[in-house]
C-alpha atoms as a PDB file:
ATOM      1  CA  MET A   1     -22.476 -27.091  -0.177  1.00  0.00           C
ATOM      2  CA  ALA A   2     -20.344 -24.265  -1.471  1.00  0.00           C
ATOM      3  CA  LYS A   3     -17.696 -22.748   0.699  1.00  0.00           C
ATOM      4  CA  VAL A   4     -18.613 -19.247   1.425  1.00  0.00           C
ATOM      5  CA  LEU A   5     -16.055 -16.637   2.761  1.00  0.00           C
ATOM      6  CA  GLU A   6     -17.491 -13.901   4.952  1.00  0.00           C
ATOM      7  CA  PHE A   7     -15.805 -10.524   5.314  1.00  0.00           C
ATOM      8  CA  ASP A   8     -16.425  -9.313   8.762  1.00  0.00           C
ATOM      9  CA  PRO A   9     -12.899  -7.950   9.575  1.00  0.00           C
ATOM     10  CA  LEU A  10     -12.647  -5.882   6.327  1.00  0.00           C
ATOM     11  CA  SER A  11     -13.188  -2.628   8.224  1.00  0.00           C
ATOM     12  CA  SER A  12      -9.879  -3.351  10.066  1.00  0.00           C
ATOM     13  CA  ILE A  13      -8.126  -3.752   6.709  1.00  0.00           C
ATOM     14  CA  ILE A  14      -9.519  -0.467   5.547  1.00  0.00           C
ATOM     15  CA  ASN A  15      -8.346   1.208   8.769  1.00  0.00           C
ATOM     16  CA  VAL A  16      -4.776  -0.080   8.380  1.00  0.00           C
ATOM     17  CA  GLU A  17      -4.534   0.704   4.715  1.00  0.00           C
ATOM     18  CA  SER A  18      -5.888   4.266   5.375  1.00  0.00           C
ATOM     19  CA  ILE A  19      -3.247   4.748   8.013  1.00  0.00           C
ATOM     20  CA  LEU A  20      -0.573   3.556   5.630  1.00  0.00           C
ATOM     21  CA  PHE A  21      -1.946   5.692   2.741  1.00  0.00           C
ATOM     22  CA  GLY A  22      -1.743   8.779   4.964  1.00  0.00           C
ATOM     23  CA  PHE A  23       1.725   7.974   6.295  1.00  0.00           C
ATOM     24  CA  ILE A  24       3.082   7.365   2.787  1.00  0.00           C
ATOM     25  CA  LEU A  25       1.707  10.793   1.492  1.00  0.00           C
ATOM     26  CA  THR A  26       3.055  12.535   4.606  1.00  0.00           C
ATOM     27  CA  VAL A  27       6.390  11.049   3.951  1.00  0.00           C
ATOM     28  CA  LEU A  28       6.265  12.210   0.314  1.00  0.00           C
ATOM     29  CA  THR A  29       5.722  15.668   1.518  1.00  0.00           C
ATOM     30  CA  LEU A  30       8.709  15.449   3.875  1.00  0.00           C
ATOM     31  CA  LEU A  31      10.957  14.009   1.224  1.00  0.00           C
ATOM     32  CA  MET A  32      10.103  16.902  -1.174  1.00  0.00           C
ATOM     33  CA  GLN A  33      11.143  19.424   1.495  1.00  0.00           C
ATOM     34  CA  LEU A  34      14.223  17.718   2.617  1.00  0.00           C
ATOM     35  CA  ASP A  35      17.597  19.283   1.537  1.00  0.00           C
ATOM     36  CA  ASN A  36      20.236  17.466   3.415  1.00  0.00           C
ATOM     37  CA  LYS A  37      23.394  15.458   2.394  1.00  0.00           C
ATOM     38  CA  SER A  38      21.395  12.104   1.948  1.00  0.00           C
ATOM     39  CA  MET A  39      18.813  13.773  -0.409  1.00  0.00           C
ATOM     40  CA  ARG A  40      21.512  15.689  -2.359  1.00  0.00           C
ATOM     41  CA  THR A  41      23.375  12.471  -2.816  1.00  0.00           C
ATOM     42  CA  ILE A  42      20.215  10.692  -4.131  1.00  0.00           C
ATOM     43  CA  LYS A  43      19.464  13.499  -6.500  1.00  0.00           C
ATOM     44  CA  GLU A  44      23.150  13.772  -7.587  1.00  0.00           C
ATOM     45  CA  TYR A  45      23.089  10.062  -8.603  1.00  0.00           C
ATOM     46  CA  GLY A  46      19.729  10.413 -10.347  1.00  0.00           C
ATOM     47  CA  ARG A  47      17.915   8.200  -7.952  1.00  0.00           C
ATOM     48  CA  TYR A  48      15.353  10.730  -6.723  1.00  0.00           C
ATOM     49  CA  PRO A  49      12.786   9.796  -9.430  1.00  0.00           C
ATOM     50  CA  GLN A  50      13.080   6.253  -8.324  1.00  0.00           C
ATOM     51  CA  LEU A  51      12.495   7.039  -4.688  1.00  0.00           C
ATOM     52  CA  ILE A  52       9.498   9.009  -5.584  1.00  0.00           C
ATOM     53  CA  GLY A  53       8.372   6.128  -7.681  1.00  0.00           C
ATOM     54  CA  PHE A  54       8.606   3.719  -4.772  1.00  0.00           C
ATOM     55  CA  ASN A  55       6.458   6.180  -2.795  1.00  0.00           C
ATOM     56  CA  LYS A  56       3.853   6.363  -5.602  1.00  0.00           C
ATOM     57  CA  THR A  57       3.714   2.581  -5.855  1.00  0.00           C
ATOM     58  CA  ALA A  58       3.099   2.301  -2.102  1.00  0.00           C
ATOM     59  CA  ALA A  59       0.392   5.102  -2.217  1.00  0.00           C
ATOM     60  CA  TYR A  60      -1.348   3.648  -5.266  1.00  0.00           C
ATOM     61  CA  SER A  61      -1.321   0.089  -3.924  1.00  0.00           C
ATOM     62  CA  SER A  62      -2.737   1.295  -0.513  1.00  0.00           C
ATOM     63  CA  PHE A  63      -5.545   3.330  -2.357  1.00  0.00           C
ATOM     64  CA  PHE A  64      -6.396   0.246  -4.558  1.00  0.00           C
ATOM     65  CA  ALA A  65      -6.414  -1.972  -1.528  1.00  0.00           C
ATOM     66  CA  ILE A  66      -8.952   0.386   0.155  1.00  0.00           C
ATOM     67  CA  ALA A  67     -11.049   0.481  -2.936  1.00  0.00           C
ATOM     68  CA  PHE A  68     -11.010  -3.204  -3.574  1.00  0.00           C
ATOM     69  CA  THR A  69     -11.779  -3.893   0.074  1.00  0.00           C
ATOM     70  CA  LEU A  70     -14.809  -1.560  -0.074  1.00  0.00           C
ATOM     71  CA  VAL A  71     -15.999  -3.522  -3.262  1.00  0.00           C
ATOM     72  CA  LEU A  72     -15.827  -6.739  -1.094  1.00  0.00           C
ATOM     73  CA  ILE A  73     -17.865  -5.147   1.736  1.00  0.00           C
ATOM     74  CA  LEU A  74     -20.635  -4.706  -0.825  1.00  0.00           C
ATOM     75  CA  TYR A  75     -21.194  -8.501  -0.602  1.00  0.00           C
ATOM     76  CA  PRO A  76     -22.945  -8.673   2.799  1.00  0.00           C
ATOM     77  CA  ASN A  77     -23.134 -12.534   2.839  1.00  0.00           C
ATOM     78  CA  GLY A  78     -19.608 -12.945   1.674  1.00  0.00           C
ATOM     79  CA  ILE A  79     -18.473 -14.280  -1.667  1.00  0.00           C
ATOM     80  CA  ASP A  80     -18.970 -17.799  -2.910  1.00  0.00           C
ATOM     81  CA  LEU A  81     -15.504 -19.244  -3.452  1.00  0.00           C
ATOM     82  CA  SER A  82     -16.885 -22.066  -5.675  1.00  0.00           C
ATOM     83  CA  SER A  83     -17.599 -19.394  -8.428  1.00  0.00           C
ATOM     84  CA  PRO A  84     -14.658 -18.811 -10.716  1.00  0.00           C
ATOM     85  CA  TYR A  85     -15.457 -15.076 -11.049  1.00  0.00           C
ATOM     86  CA  CYS A  86     -15.616 -14.672  -7.176  1.00  0.00           C
ATOM     87  CA  LEU A  87     -12.565 -16.711  -6.656  1.00  0.00           C
ATOM     88  CA  SER A  88     -10.691 -14.501  -9.126  1.00  0.00           C
ATOM     89  CA  LEU A  89     -11.946 -11.451  -7.326  1.00  0.00           C
ATOM     90  CA  PHE A  90     -10.671 -12.918  -4.048  1.00  0.00           C
ATOM     91  CA  TYR A  91      -7.180 -13.739  -5.491  1.00  0.00           C
ATOM     92  CA  ALA A  92      -6.928 -10.251  -7.066  1.00  0.00           C
ATOM     93  CA  TRP A  93      -7.872  -8.698  -3.618  1.00  0.00           C
ATOM     94  CA  GLU A  94      -5.124 -10.844  -1.830  1.00  0.00           C
ATOM     95  CA  PHE A  95      -2.649  -9.718  -4.428  1.00  0.00           C
ATOM     96  CA  VAL A  96      -3.413  -5.999  -3.972  1.00  0.00           C
ATOM     97  CA  ILE A  97      -3.203  -6.395  -0.195  1.00  0.00           C
ATOM     98  CA  ALA A  98       0.196  -8.081  -0.372  1.00  0.00           C
ATOM     99  CA  LEU A  99       1.419  -5.644  -2.973  1.00  0.00           C
ATOM    100  CA  SER A 100       0.412  -2.726  -0.608  1.00  0.00           C
ATOM    101  CA  PHE A 101       2.191  -4.088   2.433  1.00  0.00           C
ATOM    102  CA  LEU A 102       5.279  -5.179   0.518  1.00  0.00           C
ATOM    103  CA  SER A 103       5.628  -1.808  -1.356  1.00  0.00           C
ATOM    104  CA  THR A 104       5.004   0.158   1.942  1.00  0.00           C
ATOM    105  CA  TYR A 105       7.709  -1.982   3.623  1.00  0.00           C
ATOM    106  CA  ARG A 106      10.115  -1.316   0.859  1.00  0.00           C
ATOM    107  CA  PHE A 107       9.676   2.360   0.944  1.00  0.00           C
ATOM    108  CA  MET A 108       9.718   2.581   4.726  1.00  0.00           C
ATOM    109  CA  ARG A 109      13.096   0.822   4.848  1.00  0.00           C
ATOM    110  CA  ILE A 110      14.495   3.357   2.377  1.00  0.00           C
ATOM    111  CA  PHE A 111      12.944   6.291   4.215  1.00  0.00           C
ATOM    112  CA  PHE A 112      14.372   5.145   7.593  1.00  0.00           C
ATOM    113  CA  ILE A 113      17.816   4.851   6.191  1.00  0.00           C
ATOM    114  CA  ILE A 114      17.555   8.407   4.862  1.00  0.00           C
ATOM    115  CA  ALA A 115      16.214   9.537   8.245  1.00  0.00           C
ATOM    116  CA  LYS A 116      19.007   7.770  10.079  1.00  0.00           C
ATOM    117  CA  HIS A 117      21.658   9.687   7.991  1.00  0.00           C
ATOM    118  CA  THR A 118      20.015  13.018   8.542  1.00  0.00           C
ATOM    119  CA  GLN A 119      20.992  13.027  12.272  1.00  0.00           C
END
């Protein structure tokens, strides 16, 4: 009998990713309006595009994690992991979720360092 993976907790993943997506976009808005010593230094050294790039990576990965999870929800009986196609789909989904959390973590660390130096 084939091992079947069911996706009941996927709505929780969508909720978490949606919150992360909103947070990342809000922080992007804040960063674009900041004009303190930390941001001037980042811009002076030419690192501002890299900072915005980190934000974009986190935002895009959260968006794709939401989209990928919505695709998996379309399989109401779960996916059959004995199928190479479904197994590839599952591994791709895991990769996107991991990328989302790691890129968001990377950006949050940088943002909190900037926020700490604004006080």
